[in-house]
Amino acid sequence: MYAHDEPGVQWTQLPPAELVETASTALRMLAEPGRLRMLWLLSGDEYDVASLAAAVGIARPSVSQHLAKLRLAGLVELRRDGRRALYRARGGHVRRLLAEAMNAADHHLHSIPDHD
């Protein structure tokens, strides 16, 4: 289901400013390719910093900084397992946001017509 199919969504009225600001912050976090790759992987499984760094090819200190930003934006959550910190995407909304962004990019790159 697409957002425009959601019951109660009023496309002719602006959403509240606080909602727009929070959504804008989340989208800014996705504007960096490394964070986008990390969030993609975190949507499928939990990772610690070292494993995520190895998977995306980014230095561990940078991964830690990216994860902190993603947590502040509400896109990633942390779970402690003893001394290990495990990260994952915050659920279905994040996964659908990533999937839609990738689908839109695929349509653009391959000149696929947009959906109605």
C-alpha atoms as a PDB file:
ATOM      1  CA  MET A   1       0.000   0.000   0.000  1.00  0.00           C
ATOM      2  CA  TYR A   2       1.302   3.437  -0.888  1.00  0.00           C
ATOM      3  CA  ALA A   3       1.055   6.501   1.345  1.00  0.00           C
ATOM      4  CA  HIS A   4      -1.431   8.082  -1.047  1.00  0.00           C
ATOM      5  CA  ASP A   5      -3.651   5.026  -0.551  1.00  0.00           C
ATOM      6  CA  GLU A   6      -3.718   5.517   3.215  1.00  0.00           C
ATOM      7  CA  PRO A   7      -7.140   6.433   4.549  1.00  0.00           C
ATOM      8  CA  GLY A   8      -7.216   9.865   6.141  1.00  0.00           C
ATOM      9  CA  VAL A   9      -4.156  11.290   4.347  1.00  0.00           C
ATOM     10  CA  GLN A  10      -4.980  14.801   3.162  1.00  0.00           C
ATOM     11  CA  TRP A  11      -2.571  15.743   0.366  1.00  0.00           C
ATOM     12  CA  THR A  12      -4.173  19.186   0.049  1.00  0.00           C
ATOM     13  CA  GLN A  13      -3.349  20.154   3.647  1.00  0.00           C
ATOM     14  CA  LEU A  14       0.128  20.548   5.101  1.00  0.00           C
ATOM     15  CA  PRO A  15       1.025  18.229   7.969  1.00  0.00           C
ATOM     16  CA  PRO A  16       1.982  19.788  11.326  1.00  0.00           C
ATOM     17  CA  ALA A  17       5.376  21.514  11.421  1.00  0.00           C
ATOM     18  CA  GLU A  18       6.788  19.114  14.035  1.00  0.00           C
ATOM     19  CA  LEU A  19       5.915  16.149  11.832  1.00  0.00           C
ATOM     20  CA  VAL A  20       7.529  17.760   8.777  1.00  0.00           C
ATOM     21  CA  GLU A  21      10.708  18.536  10.759  1.00  0.00           C
ATOM     22  CA  THR A  22      10.995  14.977  12.097  1.00  0.00           C
ATOM     23  CA  ALA A  23      10.437  13.454   8.653  1.00  0.00           C
ATOM     24  CA  SER A  24      12.949  15.878   7.135  1.00  0.00           C
ATOM     25  CA  THR A  25      15.579  14.842   9.689  1.00  0.00           C
ATOM     26  CA  ALA A  26      15.019  11.165   8.880  1.00  0.00           C
ATOM     27  CA  LEU A  27      15.327  11.815   5.151  1.00  0.00           C
ATOM     28  CA  ARG A  28      18.537  13.816   5.670  1.00  0.00           C
ATOM     29  CA  MET A  29      20.009  10.787   7.423  1.00  0.00           C
ATOM     30  CA  LEU A  30      19.304   8.707   4.309  1.00  0.00           C
ATOM     31  CA  ALA A  31      21.041  11.216   2.033  1.00  0.00           C
ATOM     32  CA  GLU A  32      24.476   9.754   2.858  1.00  0.00           C
ATOM     33  CA  PRO A  33      25.243   6.551   0.878  1.00  0.00           C
ATOM     34  CA  GLY A  34      27.100   4.841   3.737  1.00  0.00           C
ATOM     35  CA  ARG A  35      24.206   5.360   6.135  1.00  0.00           C
ATOM     36  CA  LEU A  36      21.765   4.147   3.493  1.00  0.00           C
ATOM     37  CA  ARG A  37      23.782   0.938   3.013  1.00  0.00           C
ATOM     38  CA  MET A  38      24.024   0.418   6.769  1.00  0.00           C
ATOM     39  CA  LEU A  39      20.310   0.947   7.297  1.00  0.00           C
ATOM     40  CA  TRP A  40      19.547  -1.468   4.465  1.00  0.00           C
ATOM     41  CA  LEU A  41      21.524  -4.219   6.201  1.00  0.00           C
ATOM     42  CA  LEU A  42      20.087  -3.296   9.598  1.00  0.00           C
ATOM     43  CA  SER A  43      16.615  -3.759   8.140  1.00  0.00           C
ATOM     44  CA  GLY A  44      17.384  -7.438   7.625  1.00  0.00           C
ATOM     45  CA  ASP A  45      19.386  -8.355  10.710  1.00  0.00           C
ATOM     46  CA  GLU A  46      21.113  -7.122  13.862  1.00  0.00           C
ATOM     47  CA  TYR A  47      24.752  -6.081  13.666  1.00  0.00           C
ATOM     48  CA  ASP A  48      27.402  -4.945  16.069  1.00  0.00           C
ATOM     49  CA  VAL A  49      29.657  -2.085  14.992  1.00  0.00           C
ATOM     50  CA  ALA A  50      32.563  -4.293  13.881  1.00  0.00           C
ATOM     51  CA  SER A  51      30.381  -6.606  11.766  1.00  0.00           C
ATOM     52  CA  LEU A  52      28.543  -3.699  10.195  1.00  0.00           C
ATOM     53  CA  ALA A  53      31.814  -1.903   9.439  1.00  0.00           C
ATOM     54  CA  ALA A  54      33.139  -5.007   7.693  1.00  0.00           C
ATOM     55  CA  ALA A  55      29.914  -5.483   5.729  1.00  0.00           C
ATOM     56  CA  VAL A  56      29.769  -1.931   4.363  1.00  0.00           C
ATOM     57  CA  GLY A  57      33.512  -1.280   4.128  1.00  0.00           C
ATOM     58  CA  ILE A  58      33.544   1.749   6.417  1.00  0.00           C
ATOM     59  CA  ALA A  59      35.906   2.280   9.369  1.00  0.00           C
ATOM     60  CA  ARG A  60      34.476   1.376  12.777  1.00  0.00           C
ATOM     61  CA  PRO A  61      34.684   4.923  14.210  1.00  0.00           C
ATOM     62  CA  SER A  62      32.705   6.237  11.242  1.00  0.00           C
ATOM     63  CA  VAL A  63      30.120   3.467  11.588  1.00  0.00           C
ATOM     64  CA  SER A  64      29.696   4.369  15.268  1.00  0.00           C
ATOM     65  CA  GLN A  65      29.124   8.023  14.366  1.00  0.00           C
ATOM     66  CA  HIS A  66      26.629   7.106  11.649  1.00  0.00           C
ATOM     67  CA  LEU A  67      24.748   4.799  14.020  1.00  0.00           C
ATOM     68  CA  ALA A  68      24.529   7.561  16.625  1.00  0.00           C
ATOM     69  CA  LYS A  69      22.957   9.877  14.044  1.00  0.00           C
ATOM     70  CA  LEU A  70      20.555   7.185  12.857  1.00  0.00           C
ATOM     71  CA  ARG A  71      19.511   6.525  16.473  1.00  0.00           C
ATOM     72  CA  LEU A  72      18.900  10.221  17.120  1.00  0.00           C
ATOM     73  CA  ALA A  73      16.738  10.353  13.994  1.00  0.00           C
ATOM     74  CA  GLY A  74      14.705   7.403  15.303  1.00  0.00           C
ATOM     75  CA  LEU A  75      15.673   5.077  12.449  1.00  0.00           C
ATOM     76  CA  VAL A  76      17.797   2.592  14.417  1.00  0.00           C
ATOM     77  CA  GLU A  77      17.441   0.976  17.814  1.00  0.00           C
ATOM     78  CA  LEU A  78      20.032  -0.522  20.115  1.00  0.00           C
ATOM     79  CA  ARG A  79      19.867  -3.760  22.082  1.00  0.00           C
ATOM     80  CA  ARG A  80      22.452  -4.799  24.643  1.00  0.00           C
ATOM     81  CA  ASP A  81      23.587  -8.405  24.779  1.00  0.00           C
ATOM     82  CA  GLY A  82      25.989  -8.467  27.695  1.00  0.00           C
ATOM     83  CA  ARG A  83      28.790  -6.134  26.655  1.00  0.00           C
ATOM     84  CA  ARG A  84      27.814  -6.217  22.979  1.00  0.00           C
ATOM     85  CA  ALA A  85      25.724  -3.468  21.460  1.00  0.00           C
ATOM     86  CA  LEU A  86      23.515  -4.742  18.641  1.00  0.00           C
ATOM     87  CA  TYR A  87      21.771  -2.413  16.220  1.00  0.00           C
ATOM     88  CA  ARG A  88      18.798  -2.884  13.927  1.00  0.00           C
ATOM     89  CA  ALA A  89      16.360  -0.775  11.945  1.00  0.00           C
ATOM     90  CA  ARG A  90      13.326   0.381  13.892  1.00  0.00           C
ATOM     91  CA  GLY A  91      10.729  -1.649  12.026  1.00  0.00           C
ATOM     92  CA  GLY A  92       8.404  -1.791   9.094  1.00  0.00           C
ATOM     93  CA  HIS A  93       8.177   1.935   8.442  1.00  0.00           C
ATOM     94  CA  VAL A  94      11.940   2.170   7.982  1.00  0.00           C
ATOM     95  CA  ARG A  95      12.018  -0.904   5.726  1.00  0.00           C
ATOM     96  CA  ARG A  96       9.190   0.437   3.575  1.00  0.00           C
ATOM     97  CA  LEU A  97      10.854   3.851   3.347  1.00  0.00           C
ATOM     98  CA  LEU A  98      14.079   2.219   2.122  1.00  0.00           C
ATOM     99  CA  ALA A  99      12.223  -0.044  -0.302  1.00  0.00           C
ATOM    100  CA  GLU A 100      10.309   2.907  -1.791  1.00  0.00           C
ATOM    101  CA  ALA A 101      13.512   4.954  -2.129  1.00  0.00           C
ATOM    102  CA  MET A 102      15.261   2.079  -3.897  1.00  0.00           C
ATOM    103  CA  ASN A 103      12.232   1.432  -6.120  1.00  0.00           C
ATOM    104  CA  ALA A 104      12.078   5.104  -7.087  1.00  0.00           C
ATOM    105  CA  ALA A 105      15.826   5.059  -7.870  1.00  0.00           C
ATOM    106  CA  ASP A 106      15.405   1.890  -9.953  1.00  0.00           C
ATOM    107  CA  HIS A 107      12.567   3.477 -11.927  1.00  0.00           C
ATOM    108  CA  HIS A 108      14.670   6.588 -12.532  1.00  0.00           C
ATOM    109  CA  LEU A 109      17.814   4.687 -13.561  1.00  0.00           C
ATOM    110  CA  HIS A 110      16.009   2.320 -15.905  1.00  0.00           C
ATOM    111  CA  SER A 111      13.373   4.743 -17.238  1.00  0.00           C
ATOM    112  CA  ILE A 112      10.548   2.642 -15.833  1.00  0.00           C
ATOM    113  CA  PRO A 113       7.225   4.507 -15.794  1.00  0.00           C
ATOM    114  CA  ASP A 114       5.968   5.690 -12.417  1.00  0.00           C
ATOM    115  CA  HIS A 115       3.058   3.991 -10.696  1.00  0.00           C
ATOM    116  CA  ASP A 116      -0.249   5.777 -10.411  1.00  0.00           C
END
